[in-house]
Amino acid sequence: MKITNLRQCPSSPVNMEGAEGALRQVPIGKADGAPNFSIRVFTLEPGGHTPHHSHESEHLNYILEGSGEVLEGETPRPVRQGDFVLVTPHEKHQYRNTGETPLVFLCMVPSQYE
């Protein structure tokens, strides 16, 4: 069993092409022995965004703080604290912080895609 606090998890910049003002933390992942799923937390500074991209697997997201939008393909969809988002396999998407405070969201993925 692992119990951790997000404040204890190191953060690193998202180094994918097209990302701006984005940090990533991995509170529980394959390095911890998680055989199936990893939990990541992304923080987008105001004006920041993830790349506009797609993945082979689904992503399960939960907005912890802030507000912004998620591009569903090319269509912006508003999101705010408390919202859940399912990104299906191969669905092109991008998170954008359109607010004035950090947009923080949890992202659960299969451990192989951590």
PDB file of N, CA and C in Angstrom:
ATOM      1  N   MET A   1       0.849  -1.181   0.000  1.00  0.00           N
ATOM      2  CA  MET A   1       0.000   0.000   0.000  1.00  0.00           C
ATOM      3  C   MET A   1       0.887   1.234   0.000  1.00  0.00           C
ATOM      4  N   LYS A   2       0.442   2.246  -0.693  1.00  0.00           N
ATOM      5  CA  LYS A   2       1.136   3.531  -0.686  1.00  0.00           C
ATOM      6  C   LYS A   2       0.124   4.612  -0.344  1.00  0.00           C
ATOM      7  N   ILE A   3       0.479   5.468   0.585  1.00  0.00           N
ATOM      8  CA  ILE A   3      -0.315   6.649   0.903  1.00  0.00           C
ATOM      9  C   ILE A   3       0.620   7.829   0.734  1.00  0.00           C
ATOM     10  N   THR A   4       0.213   8.791  -0.048  1.00  0.00           N
ATOM     11  CA  THR A   4       1.041   9.969  -0.280  1.00  0.00           C
ATOM     12  C   THR A   4       0.158  11.205  -0.337  1.00  0.00           C
ATOM     13  N   ASN A   5       0.791  12.340  -0.268  1.00  0.00           N
ATOM     14  CA  ASN A   5       0.109  13.620  -0.367  1.00  0.00           C
ATOM     15  C   ASN A   5       0.655  14.332  -1.586  1.00  0.00           C
ATOM     16  N   LEU A   6      -0.200  14.986  -2.333  1.00  0.00           N
ATOM     17  CA  LEU A   6       0.234  15.651  -3.562  1.00  0.00           C
ATOM     18  C   LEU A   6       1.371  16.638  -3.302  1.00  0.00           C
ATOM     19  N   ARG A   7       1.356  17.284  -2.133  1.00  0.00           N
ATOM     20  CA  ARG A   7       2.421  18.239  -1.810  1.00  0.00           C
ATOM     21  C   ARG A   7       3.784  17.570  -1.694  1.00  0.00           C
ATOM     22  N   GLN A   8       3.801  16.244  -1.500  1.00  0.00           N
ATOM     23  CA  GLN A   8       5.056  15.503  -1.395  1.00  0.00           C
ATOM     24  C   GLN A   8       5.556  14.994  -2.744  1.00  0.00           C
ATOM     25  N   CYS A   9       4.770  15.153  -3.790  1.00  0.00           N
ATOM     26  CA  CYS A   9       5.118  14.620  -5.111  1.00  0.00           C
ATOM     27  C   CYS A   9       5.850  15.674  -5.932  1.00  0.00           C
ATOM     28  N   PRO A  10       7.015  15.316  -6.467  1.00  0.00           N
ATOM     29  CA  PRO A  10       7.728  16.284  -7.302  1.00  0.00           C
ATOM     30  C   PRO A  10       6.923  16.629  -8.557  1.00  0.00           C
ATOM     31  N   SER A  11       7.098  17.826  -9.051  1.00  0.00           N
ATOM     32  CA  SER A  11       6.445  18.232 -10.302  1.00  0.00           C
ATOM     33  C   SER A  11       7.518  18.474 -11.356  1.00  0.00           C
ATOM     34  N   SER A  12       7.130  18.240 -12.588  1.00  0.00           N
ATOM     35  CA  SER A  12       8.038  18.475 -13.711  1.00  0.00           C
ATOM     36  C   SER A  12       7.252  19.100 -14.850  1.00  0.00           C
ATOM     37  N   PRO A  13       7.944  19.891 -15.667  1.00  0.00           N
ATOM     38  CA  PRO A  13       7.249  20.501 -16.807  1.00  0.00           C
ATOM     39  C   PRO A  13       6.792  19.432 -17.803  1.00  0.00           C
ATOM     40  N   VAL A  14       5.676  19.686 -18.443  1.00  0.00           N
ATOM     41  CA  VAL A  14       5.222  18.817 -19.531  1.00  0.00           C
ATOM     42  C   VAL A  14       6.045  19.208 -20.746  1.00  0.00           C
ATOM     43  N   ASN A  15       6.871  18.287 -21.207  1.00  0.00           N
ATOM     44  CA  ASN A  15       7.813  18.585 -22.291  1.00  0.00           C
ATOM     45  C   ASN A  15       7.345  18.112 -23.650  1.00  0.00           C
ATOM     46  N   MET A  16       6.058  17.951 -23.837  1.00  0.00           N
ATOM     47  CA  MET A  16       5.534  17.577 -25.150  1.00  0.00           C
ATOM     48  C   MET A  16       5.416  18.822 -26.016  1.00  0.00           C
ATOM     49  N   GLU A  17       5.656  18.669 -27.299  1.00  0.00           N
ATOM     50  CA  GLU A  17       5.508  19.793 -28.222  1.00  0.00           C
ATOM     51  C   GLU A  17       4.072  20.295 -28.172  1.00  0.00           C
ATOM     52  N   GLY A  18       3.909  21.602 -28.041  1.00  0.00           N
ATOM     53  CA  GLY A  18       2.582  22.203 -27.991  1.00  0.00           C
ATOM     54  C   GLY A  18       2.088  22.492 -26.588  1.00  0.00           C
ATOM     55  N   ALA A  19       2.820  22.028 -25.566  1.00  0.00           N
ATOM     56  CA  ALA A  19       2.427  22.308 -24.176  1.00  0.00           C
ATOM     57  C   ALA A  19       3.030  23.638 -23.752  1.00  0.00           C
ATOM     58  N   GLU A  20       2.284  24.363 -22.924  1.00  0.00           N
ATOM     59  CA  GLU A  20       2.769  25.644 -22.411  1.00  0.00           C
ATOM     60  C   GLU A  20       2.204  25.869 -21.017  1.00  0.00           C
ATOM     61  N   GLY A  21       3.078  26.234 -20.074  1.00  0.00           N
ATOM     62  CA  GLY A  21       2.622  26.523 -18.715  1.00  0.00           C
ATOM     63  C   GLY A  21       1.986  25.336 -18.036  1.00  0.00           C
ATOM     64  N   ALA A  22       2.501  24.118 -18.308  1.00  0.00           N
ATOM     65  CA  ALA A  22       1.902  22.885 -17.793  1.00  0.00           C
ATOM     66  C   ALA A  22       2.915  22.112 -16.953  1.00  0.00           C
ATOM     67  N   LEU A  23       2.489  21.704 -15.765  1.00  0.00           N
ATOM     68  CA  LEU A  23       3.295  20.869 -14.873  1.00  0.00           C
ATOM     69  C   LEU A  23       2.579  19.553 -14.638  1.00  0.00           C
ATOM     70  N   ARG A  24       3.369  18.492 -14.330  1.00  0.00           N
ATOM     71  CA  ARG A  24       2.817  17.155 -14.122  1.00  0.00           C
ATOM     72  C   ARG A  24       3.385  16.548 -12.845  1.00  0.00           C
ATOM     73  N   GLN A  25       2.528  15.873 -12.098  1.00  0.00           N
ATOM     74  CA  GLN A  25       2.924  15.104 -10.924  1.00  0.00           C
ATOM     75  C   GLN A  25       2.338  13.701 -11.053  1.00  0.00           C
ATOM     76  N   VAL A  26       3.020  12.717 -10.486  1.00  0.00           N
ATOM     77  CA  VAL A  26       2.524  11.339 -10.514  1.00  0.00           C
ATOM     78  C   VAL A  26       2.494  10.820  -9.080  1.00  0.00           C
ATOM     79  N   PRO A  27       1.359  11.017  -8.366  1.00  0.00           N
ATOM     80  CA  PRO A  27       1.289  10.552  -6.986  1.00  0.00           C
ATOM     81  C   PRO A  27       1.286   9.032  -6.845  1.00  0.00           C
ATOM     82  N   ILE A  28       0.696   8.325  -7.809  1.00  0.00           N
ATOM     83  CA  ILE A  28       0.696   6.855  -7.806  1.00  0.00           C
ATOM     84  C   ILE A  28       0.847   6.387  -9.243  1.00  0.00           C
ATOM     85  N   GLY A  29       1.865   5.532  -9.468  1.00  0.00           N
ATOM     86  CA  GLY A  29       2.108   5.062 -10.822  1.00  0.00           C
ATOM     87  C   GLY A  29       2.854   3.749 -10.848  1.00  0.00           C
ATOM     88  N   LYS A  30       3.333   3.405 -12.031  1.00  0.00           N
ATOM     89  CA  LYS A  30       3.999   2.115 -12.194  1.00  0.00           C
ATOM     90  C   LYS A  30       5.254   2.008 -11.336  1.00  0.00           C
ATOM     91  N   ALA A  31       5.934   3.113 -11.055  1.00  0.00           N
ATOM     92  CA  ALA A  31       7.117   3.080 -10.182  1.00  0.00           C
ATOM     93  C   ALA A  31       6.752   2.656  -8.756  1.00  0.00           C
ATOM     94  N   ASP A  32       5.488   2.810  -8.389  1.00  0.00           N
ATOM     95  CA  ASP A  32       5.003   2.421  -7.067  1.00  0.00           C
ATOM     96  C   ASP A  32       4.463   0.994  -7.052  1.00  0.00           C
ATOM     97  N   GLY A  33       4.508   0.334  -8.192  1.00  0.00           N
ATOM     98  CA  GLY A  33       4.005  -1.025  -8.293  1.00  0.00           C
ATOM     99  C   GLY A  33       2.552  -1.117  -8.712  1.00  0.00           C
ATOM    100  N   ALA A  34       1.970  -0.011  -9.170  1.00  0.00           N
ATOM    101  CA  ALA A  34       0.575  -0.031  -9.636  1.00  0.00           C
ATOM    102  C   ALA A  34       0.514  -0.853 -10.928  1.00  0.00           C
ATOM    103  N   PRO A  35      -0.135  -2.014 -10.903  1.00  0.00           N
ATOM    104  CA  PRO A  35      -0.099  -2.892 -12.073  1.00  0.00           C
ATOM    105  C   PRO A  35      -0.988  -2.461 -13.237  1.00  0.00           C
ATOM    106  N   ASN A  36      -2.039  -1.687 -12.959  1.00  0.00           N
ATOM    107  CA  ASN A  36      -3.000  -1.396 -14.026  1.00  0.00           C
ATOM    108  C   ASN A  36      -3.208   0.075 -14.327  1.00  0.00           C
ATOM    109  N   PHE A  37      -3.227   0.940 -13.301  1.00  0.00           N
ATOM    110  CA  PHE A  37      -3.564   2.341 -13.515  1.00  0.00           C
ATOM    111  C   PHE A  37      -2.565   3.261 -12.843  1.00  0.00           C
ATOM    112  N   SER A  38      -2.393   4.433 -13.416  1.00  0.00           N
ATOM    113  CA  SER A  38      -1.568   5.494 -12.835  1.00  0.00           C
ATOM    114  C   SER A  38      -2.424   6.734 -12.680  1.00  0.00           C
ATOM    115  N   ILE A  39      -2.162   7.465 -11.610  1.00  0.00           N
ATOM    116  CA  ILE A  39      -2.843   8.736 -11.389  1.00  0.00           C
ATOM    117  C   ILE A  39      -1.821   9.841 -11.574  1.00  0.00           C
ATOM    118  N   ARG A  40      -2.157  10.765 -12.451  1.00  0.00           N
ATOM    119  CA  ARG A  40      -1.316  11.934 -12.693  1.00  0.00           C
ATOM    120  C   ARG A  40      -2.122  13.176 -12.351  1.00  0.00           C
ATOM    121  N   VAL A  41      -1.437  14.223 -11.954  1.00  0.00           N
ATOM    122  CA  VAL A  41      -2.094  15.494 -11.689  1.00  0.00           C
ATOM    123  C   VAL A  41      -1.391  16.544 -12.532  1.00  0.00           C
ATOM    124  N   PHE A  42      -2.173  17.268 -13.319  1.00  0.00           N
ATOM    125  CA  PHE A  42      -1.632  18.334 -14.168  1.00  0.00           C
ATOM    126  C   PHE A  42      -2.074  19.683 -13.610  1.00  0.00           C
ATOM    127  N   THR A  43      -1.166  20.634 -13.629  1.00  0.00           N
ATOM    128  CA  THR A  43      -1.463  22.007 -13.243  1.00  0.00           C
ATOM    129  C   THR A  43      -1.144  22.894 -14.428  1.00  0.00           C
ATOM    130  N   LEU A  44      -2.154  23.639 -14.887  1.00  0.00           N
ATOM    131  CA  LEU A  44      -1.977  24.583 -15.990  1.00  0.00           C
ATOM    132  C   LEU A  44      -2.073  25.988 -15.425  1.00  0.00           C
ATOM    133  N   GLU A  45      -1.032  26.766 -15.641  1.00  0.00           N
ATOM    134  CA  GLU A  45      -1.051  28.161 -15.214  1.00  0.00           C
ATOM    135  C   GLU A  45      -2.037  28.942 -16.086  1.00  0.00           C
ATOM    136  N   PRO A  46      -2.524  30.100 -15.634  1.00  0.00           N
ATOM    137  CA  PRO A  46      -3.408  30.902 -16.483  1.00  0.00           C
ATOM    138  C   PRO A  46      -2.791  31.103 -17.872  1.00  0.00           C
ATOM    139  N   GLY A  47      -3.560  30.807 -18.903  1.00  0.00           N
ATOM    140  CA  GLY A  47      -3.069  30.894 -20.276  1.00  0.00           C
ATOM    141  C   GLY A  47      -2.349  29.641 -20.729  1.00  0.00           C
ATOM    142  N   GLY A  48      -2.082  28.693 -19.823  1.00  0.00           N
ATOM    143  CA  GLY A  48      -1.368  27.470 -20.167  1.00  0.00           C
ATOM    144  C   GLY A  48      -2.276  26.438 -20.812  1.00  0.00           C
ATOM    145  N   HIS A  49      -1.648  25.444 -21.452  1.00  0.00           N
ATOM    146  CA  HIS A  49      -2.416  24.389 -22.112  1.00  0.00           C
ATOM    147  C   HIS A  49      -1.562  23.146 -22.323  1.00  0.00           C
ATOM    148  N   THR A  50      -2.246  22.029 -22.501  1.00  0.00           N
ATOM    149  CA  THR A  50      -1.596  20.790 -22.896  1.00  0.00           C
ATOM    150  C   THR A  50      -1.489  20.783 -24.420  1.00  0.00           C
ATOM    151  N   PRO A  51      -0.749  19.838 -24.990  1.00  0.00           N
ATOM    152  CA  PRO A  51      -0.735  19.738 -26.452  1.00  0.00           C
ATOM    153  C   PRO A  51      -2.112  19.333 -26.985  1.00  0.00           C
ATOM    154  N   HIS A  52      -2.381  19.634 -28.225  1.00  0.00           N
ATOM    155  CA  HIS A  52      -3.599  19.172 -28.900  1.00  0.00           C
ATOM    156  C   HIS A  52      -3.224  17.825 -29.494  1.00  0.00           C
ATOM    157  N   HIS A  53      -3.673  16.739 -28.861  1.00  0.00           N
ATOM    158  CA  HIS A  53      -3.157  15.416 -29.186  1.00  0.00           C
ATOM    159  C   HIS A  53      -4.199  14.337 -28.914  1.00  0.00           C
ATOM    160  N   SER A  54      -3.833  13.085 -29.220  1.00  0.00           N
ATOM    161  CA  SER A  54      -4.691  11.943 -28.936  1.00  0.00           C
ATOM    162  C   SER A  54      -3.831  10.806 -28.385  1.00  0.00           C
ATOM    163  N   HIS A  55      -4.496   9.789 -27.823  1.00  0.00           N
ATOM    164  CA  HIS A  55      -3.829   8.651 -27.197  1.00  0.00           C
ATOM    165  C   HIS A  55      -4.515   7.361 -27.628  1.00  0.00           C
ATOM    166  N   GLU A  56      -3.803   6.239 -27.424  1.00  0.00           N
ATOM    167  CA  GLU A  56      -4.365   4.941 -27.751  1.00  0.00           C
ATOM    168  C   GLU A  56      -5.373   4.453 -26.721  1.00  0.00           C
ATOM    169  N   SER A  57      -5.328   5.006 -25.510  1.00  0.00           N
ATOM    170  CA  SER A  57      -6.242   4.543 -24.461  1.00  0.00           C
ATOM    171  C   SER A  57      -7.090   5.705 -23.952  1.00  0.00           C
ATOM    172  N   GLU A  58      -8.150   5.341 -23.208  1.00  0.00           N
ATOM    173  CA  GLU A  58      -8.979   6.379 -22.600  1.00  0.00           C
ATOM    174  C   GLU A  58      -8.228   7.058 -21.462  1.00  0.00           C
ATOM    175  N   HIS A  59      -8.654   8.275 -21.151  1.00  0.00           N
ATOM    176  CA  HIS A  59      -8.179   9.027 -19.984  1.00  0.00           C
ATOM    177  C   HIS A  59      -9.408   9.404 -19.174  1.00  0.00           C
ATOM    178  N   LEU A  60      -9.319   9.220 -17.862  1.00  0.00           N
ATOM    179  CA  LEU A  60     -10.391   9.621 -16.963  1.00  0.00           C
ATOM    180  C   LEU A  60      -9.886  10.823 -16.187  1.00  0.00           C
ATOM    181  N   ASN A  61     -10.560  11.952 -16.319  1.00  0.00           N
ATOM    182  CA  ASN A  61     -10.100  13.199 -15.719  1.00  0.00           C
ATOM    183  C   ASN A  61     -11.119  13.750 -14.734  1.00  0.00           C
ATOM    184  N   TYR A  62     -10.604  14.448 -13.719  1.00  0.00           N
ATOM    185  CA  TYR A  62     -11.444  15.115 -12.728  1.00  0.00           C
ATOM    186  C   TYR A  62     -10.822  16.474 -12.441  1.00  0.00           C
ATOM    187  N   ILE A  63     -11.615  17.532 -12.553  1.00  0.00           N
ATOM    188  CA  ILE A  63     -11.106  18.888 -12.331  1.00  0.00           C
ATOM    189  C   ILE A  63     -11.104  19.157 -10.830  1.00  0.00           C
ATOM    190  N   LEU A  64      -9.900  19.329 -10.274  1.00  0.00           N
ATOM    191  CA  LEU A  64      -9.726  19.570  -8.842  1.00  0.00           C
ATOM    192  C   LEU A  64      -9.883  21.043  -8.481  1.00  0.00           C
ATOM    193  N   GLU A  65      -9.332  21.924  -9.317  1.00  0.00           N
ATOM    194  CA  GLU A  65      -9.365  23.363  -9.036  1.00  0.00           C
ATOM    195  C   GLU A  65      -9.427  24.130 -10.349  1.00  0.00           C
ATOM    196  N   GLY A  66     -10.027  25.302 -10.294  1.00  0.00           N
ATOM    197  CA  GLY A  66      -9.994  26.222 -11.418  1.00  0.00           C
ATOM    198  C   GLY A  66     -11.060  25.949 -12.465  1.00  0.00           C
ATOM    199  N   SER A  67     -10.857  26.594 -13.611  1.00  0.00           N
ATOM    200  CA  SER A  67     -11.787  26.450 -14.733  1.00  0.00           C
ATOM    201  C   SER A  67     -11.014  26.650 -16.026  1.00  0.00           C
ATOM    202  N   GLY A  68     -11.627  26.205 -17.092  1.00  0.00           N
ATOM    203  CA  GLY A  68     -10.996  26.327 -18.404  1.00  0.00           C
ATOM    204  C   GLY A  68     -11.867  25.677 -19.443  1.00  0.00           C
ATOM    205  N   GLU A  69     -11.199  25.090 -20.429  1.00  0.00           N
ATOM    206  CA  GLU A  69     -11.932  24.390 -21.476  1.00  0.00           C
ATOM    207  C   GLU A  69     -11.112  23.206 -21.964  1.00  0.00           C
ATOM    208  N   VAL A  70     -11.839  22.242 -22.516  1.00  0.00           N
ATOM    209  CA  VAL A  70     -11.221  21.097 -23.160  1.00  0.00           C
ATOM    210  C   VAL A  70     -11.670  21.121 -24.611  1.00  0.00           C
ATOM    211  N   LEU A  71     -10.711  21.052 -25.521  1.00  0.00           N
ATOM    212  CA  LEU A  71     -11.086  20.923 -26.925  1.00  0.00           C
ATOM    213  C   LEU A  71     -11.484  19.478 -27.171  1.00  0.00           C
ATOM    214  N   GLU A  72     -12.689  19.294 -27.672  1.00  0.00           N
ATOM    215  CA  GLU A  72     -13.163  17.987 -28.132  1.00  0.00           C
ATOM    216  C   GLU A  72     -13.008  18.020 -29.645  1.00  0.00           C
ATOM    217  N   GLY A  73     -11.870  17.514 -30.120  1.00  0.00           N
ATOM    218  CA  GLY A  73     -11.504  17.729 -31.518  1.00  0.00           C
ATOM    219  C   GLY A  73     -11.114  19.183 -31.677  1.00  0.00           C
ATOM    220  N   GLU A  74     -11.971  19.956 -32.324  1.00  0.00           N
ATOM    221  CA  GLU A  74     -11.753  21.403 -32.481  1.00  0.00           C
ATOM    222  C   GLU A  74     -12.774  22.229 -31.697  1.00  0.00           C
ATOM    223  N   THR A  75     -13.694  21.559 -31.004  1.00  0.00           N
ATOM    224  CA  THR A  75     -14.783  22.240 -30.313  1.00  0.00           C
ATOM    225  C   THR A  75     -14.454  22.465 -28.845  1.00  0.00           C
ATOM    226  N   PRO A  76     -14.403  23.731 -28.369  1.00  0.00           N
ATOM    227  CA  PRO A  76     -14.138  23.981 -26.952  1.00  0.00           C
ATOM    228  C   PRO A  76     -15.353  23.632 -26.090  1.00  0.00           C
ATOM    229  N   ARG A  77     -15.088  22.929 -24.985  1.00  0.00           N
ATOM    230  CA  ARG A  77     -16.121  22.575 -24.012  1.00  0.00           C
ATOM    231  C   ARG A  77     -15.687  23.119 -22.659  1.00  0.00           C
ATOM    232  N   PRO A  78     -16.501  23.897 -21.965  1.00  0.00           N
ATOM    233  CA  PRO A  78     -16.096  24.462 -20.674  1.00  0.00           C
ATOM    234  C   PRO A  78     -15.996  23.390 -19.594  1.00  0.00           C
ATOM    235  N   VAL A  79     -15.010  23.562 -18.703  1.00  0.00           N
ATOM    236  CA  VAL A  79     -14.865  22.684 -17.541  1.00  0.00           C
ATOM    237  C   VAL A  79     -14.553  23.542 -16.324  1.00  0.00           C
ATOM    238  N   ARG A  80     -14.934  23.021 -15.144  1.00  0.00           N
ATOM    239  CA  ARG A  80     -14.670  23.737 -13.900  1.00  0.00           C
ATOM    240  C   ARG A  80     -14.533  22.720 -12.775  1.00  0.00           C
ATOM    241  N   GLN A  81     -14.121  23.212 -11.631  1.00  0.00           N
ATOM    242  CA  GLN A  81     -13.937  22.365 -10.461  1.00  0.00           C
ATOM    243  C   GLN A  81     -15.146  21.467 -10.249  1.00  0.00           C
ATOM    244  N   GLY A  82     -14.880  20.173 -10.044  1.00  0.00           N
ATOM    245  CA  GLY A  82     -15.949  19.207  -9.815  1.00  0.00           C
ATOM    246  C   GLY A  82     -16.387  18.435 -11.042  1.00  0.00           C
ATOM    247  N   ASP A  83     -15.956  18.855 -12.235  1.00  0.00           N
ATOM    248  CA  ASP A  83     -16.350  18.163 -13.465  1.00  0.00           C
ATOM    249  C   ASP A  83     -15.487  16.926 -13.711  1.00  0.00           C
ATOM    250  N   PHE A  84     -16.107  15.889 -14.270  1.00  0.00           N
ATOM    251  CA  PHE A  84     -15.413  14.695 -14.742  1.00  0.00           C
ATOM    252  C   PHE A  84     -15.383  14.754 -16.263  1.00  0.00           C
ATOM    253  N   VAL A  85     -14.309  14.242 -16.861  1.00  0.00           N
ATOM    254  CA  VAL A  85     -14.179  14.219 -18.321  1.00  0.00           C
ATOM    255  C   VAL A  85     -13.667  12.841 -18.736  1.00  0.00           C
ATOM    256  N   LEU A  86     -14.335  12.220 -19.682  1.00  0.00           N
ATOM    257  CA  LEU A  86     -13.850  10.990 -20.308  1.00  0.00           C
ATOM    258  C   LEU A  86     -13.316  11.354 -21.676  1.00  0.00           C
ATOM    259  N   VAL A  87     -12.038  11.095 -21.896  1.00  0.00           N
ATOM    260  CA  VAL A  87     -11.427  11.248 -23.217  1.00  0.00           C
ATOM    261  C   VAL A  87     -11.274   9.837 -23.763  1.00  0.00           C
ATOM    262  N   THR A  88     -11.970   9.530 -24.844  1.00  0.00           N
ATOM    263  CA  THR A  88     -11.961   8.179 -25.394  1.00  0.00           C
ATOM    264  C   THR A  88     -10.695   7.928 -26.228  1.00  0.00           C
ATOM    265  N   PRO A  89     -10.364   6.655 -26.485  1.00  0.00           N
ATOM    266  CA  PRO A  89      -9.181   6.355 -27.286  1.00  0.00           C
ATOM    267  C   PRO A  89      -9.217   7.064 -28.634  1.00  0.00           C
ATOM    268  N   HIS A  90      -8.079   7.613 -29.016  1.00  0.00           N
ATOM    269  CA  HIS A  90      -7.858   8.283 -30.303  1.00  0.00           C
ATOM    270  C   HIS A  90      -8.631   9.591 -30.471  1.00  0.00           C
ATOM    271  N   GLU A  91      -9.257  10.088 -29.402  1.00  0.00           N
ATOM    272  CA  GLU A  91      -9.994  11.345 -29.472  1.00  0.00           C
ATOM    273  C   GLU A  91      -9.019  12.511 -29.302  1.00  0.00           C
ATOM    274  N   LYS A  92      -8.975  13.390 -30.278  1.00  0.00           N
ATOM    275  CA  LYS A  92      -8.078  14.546 -30.197  1.00  0.00           C
ATOM    276  C   LYS A  92      -8.638  15.524 -29.169  1.00  0.00           C
ATOM    277  N   HIS A  93      -7.754  15.993 -28.268  1.00  0.00           N
ATOM    278  CA  HIS A  93      -8.198  16.849 -27.167  1.00  0.00           C
ATOM    279  C   HIS A  93      -7.069  17.769 -26.712  1.00  0.00           C
ATOM    280  N   GLN A  94      -7.438  18.789 -25.981  1.00  0.00           N
ATOM    281  CA  GLN A  94      -6.474  19.723 -25.393  1.00  0.00           C
ATOM    282  C   GLN A  94      -7.142  20.415 -24.214  1.00  0.00           C
ATOM    283  N   TYR A  95      -6.434  20.464 -23.093  1.00  0.00           N
ATOM    284  CA  TYR A  95      -6.897  21.231 -21.937  1.00  0.00           C
ATOM    285  C   TYR A  95      -6.302  22.621 -22.021  1.00  0.00           C
ATOM    286  N   ARG A  96      -7.137  23.638 -21.749  1.00  0.00           N
ATOM    287  CA  ARG A  96      -6.691  25.037 -21.760  1.00  0.00           C
ATOM    288  C   ARG A  96      -7.190  25.734 -20.503  1.00  0.00           C
ATOM    289  N   ASN A  97      -6.287  26.487 -19.874  1.00  0.00           N
ATOM    290  CA  ASN A  97      -6.693  27.287 -18.726  1.00  0.00           C
ATOM    291  C   ASN A  97      -7.098  28.663 -19.240  1.00  0.00           C
ATOM    292  N   THR A  98      -8.380  28.943 -19.186  1.00  0.00           N
ATOM    293  CA  THR A  98      -8.898  30.246 -19.627  1.00  0.00           C
ATOM    294  C   THR A  98      -9.230  31.129 -18.426  1.00  0.00           C
ATOM    295  N   GLY A  99      -8.937  30.622 -17.226  1.00  0.00           N
ATOM    296  CA  GLY A  99      -9.249  31.359 -16.004  1.00  0.00           C
ATOM    297  C   GLY A  99      -8.071  32.188 -15.516  1.00  0.00           C
ATOM    298  N   GLU A 100      -8.220  32.728 -14.321  1.00  0.00           N
ATOM    299  CA  GLU A 100      -7.187  33.585 -13.735  1.00  0.00           C
ATOM    300  C   GLU A 100      -6.426  32.905 -12.611  1.00  0.00           C
ATOM    301  N   THR A 101      -6.777  31.656 -12.297  1.00  0.00           N
ATOM    302  CA  THR A 101      -6.081  30.869 -11.281  1.00  0.00           C
ATOM    303  C   THR A 101      -5.656  29.548 -11.923  1.00  0.00           C
ATOM    304  N   PRO A 102      -4.749  28.792 -11.297  1.00  0.00           N
ATOM    305  CA  PRO A 102      -4.338  27.518 -11.894  1.00  0.00           C
ATOM    306  C   PRO A 102      -5.516  26.575 -12.125  1.00  0.00           C
ATOM    307  N   LEU A 103      -5.452  25.848 -13.218  1.00  0.00           N
ATOM    308  CA  LEU A 103      -6.389  24.767 -13.529  1.00  0.00           C
ATOM    309  C   LEU A 103      -5.666  23.474 -13.161  1.00  0.00           C
ATOM    310  N   VAL A 104      -6.207  22.743 -12.204  1.00  0.00           N
ATOM    311  CA  VAL A 104      -5.573  21.524 -11.713  1.00  0.00           C
ATOM    312  C   VAL A 104      -6.530  20.368 -11.953  1.00  0.00           C
ATOM    313  N   PHE A 105      -6.034  19.316 -12.622  1.00  0.00           N
ATOM    314  CA  PHE A 105      -6.901  18.167 -12.870  1.00  0.00           C
ATOM    315  C   PHE A 105      -6.168  16.850 -12.710  1.00  0.00           C
ATOM    316  N   LEU A 106      -6.917  15.879 -12.249  1.00  0.00           N
ATOM    317  CA  LEU A 106      -6.440  14.519 -12.073  1.00  0.00           C
ATOM    318  C   LEU A 106      -6.662  13.781 -13.383  1.00  0.00           C
ATOM    319  N   CYS A 107      -5.711  12.928 -13.751  1.00  0.00           N
ATOM    320  CA  CYS A 107      -5.811  12.163 -14.986  1.00  0.00           C
ATOM    321  C   CYS A 107      -5.395  10.726 -14.694  1.00  0.00           C
ATOM    322  N   MET A 108      -6.335   9.796 -14.849  1.00  0.00           N
ATOM    323  CA  MET A 108      -6.029   8.384 -14.621  1.00  0.00           C
ATOM    324  C   MET A 108      -5.916   7.691 -15.975  1.00  0.00           C
ATOM    325  N   VAL A 109      -4.797   6.955 -16.127  1.00  0.00           N
ATOM    326  CA  VAL A 109      -4.515   6.258 -17.383  1.00  0.00           C
ATOM    327  C   VAL A 109      -3.984   4.860 -17.074  1.00  0.00           C
ATOM    328  N   PRO A 110      -4.035   3.942 -18.037  1.00  0.00           N
ATOM    329  CA  PRO A 110      -3.350   2.667 -17.833  1.00  0.00           C
ATOM    330  C   PRO A 110      -1.864   2.917 -17.554  1.00  0.00           C
ATOM    331  N   SER A 111      -1.299   2.186 -16.610  1.00  0.00           N
ATOM    332  CA  SER A 111       0.086   2.417 -16.187  1.00  0.00           C
ATOM    333  C   SER A 111       1.079   2.394 -17.346  1.00  0.00           C
ATOM    334  N   GLN A 112       0.800   1.620 -18.366  1.00  0.00           N
ATOM    335  CA  GLN A 112       1.728   1.544 -19.501  1.00  0.00           C
ATOM    336  C   GLN A 112       1.839   2.866 -20.249  1.00  0.00           C
ATOM    337  N   TYR A 113       0.863   3.759 -20.083  1.00  0.00           N
ATOM    338  CA  TYR A 113       0.901   5.047 -20.778  1.00  0.00           C
ATOM    339  C   TYR A 113       1.289   6.204 -19.860  1.00  0.00           C
ATOM    340  N   GLU A 114       1.729   5.888 -18.659  1.00  0.00           N
ATOM    341  CA  GLU A 114       2.087   6.920 -17.692  1.00  0.00           C
ATOM    342  C   GLU A 114       3.079   7.866 -18.303  1.00  0.00           C
TER     343      GLU A 114
END
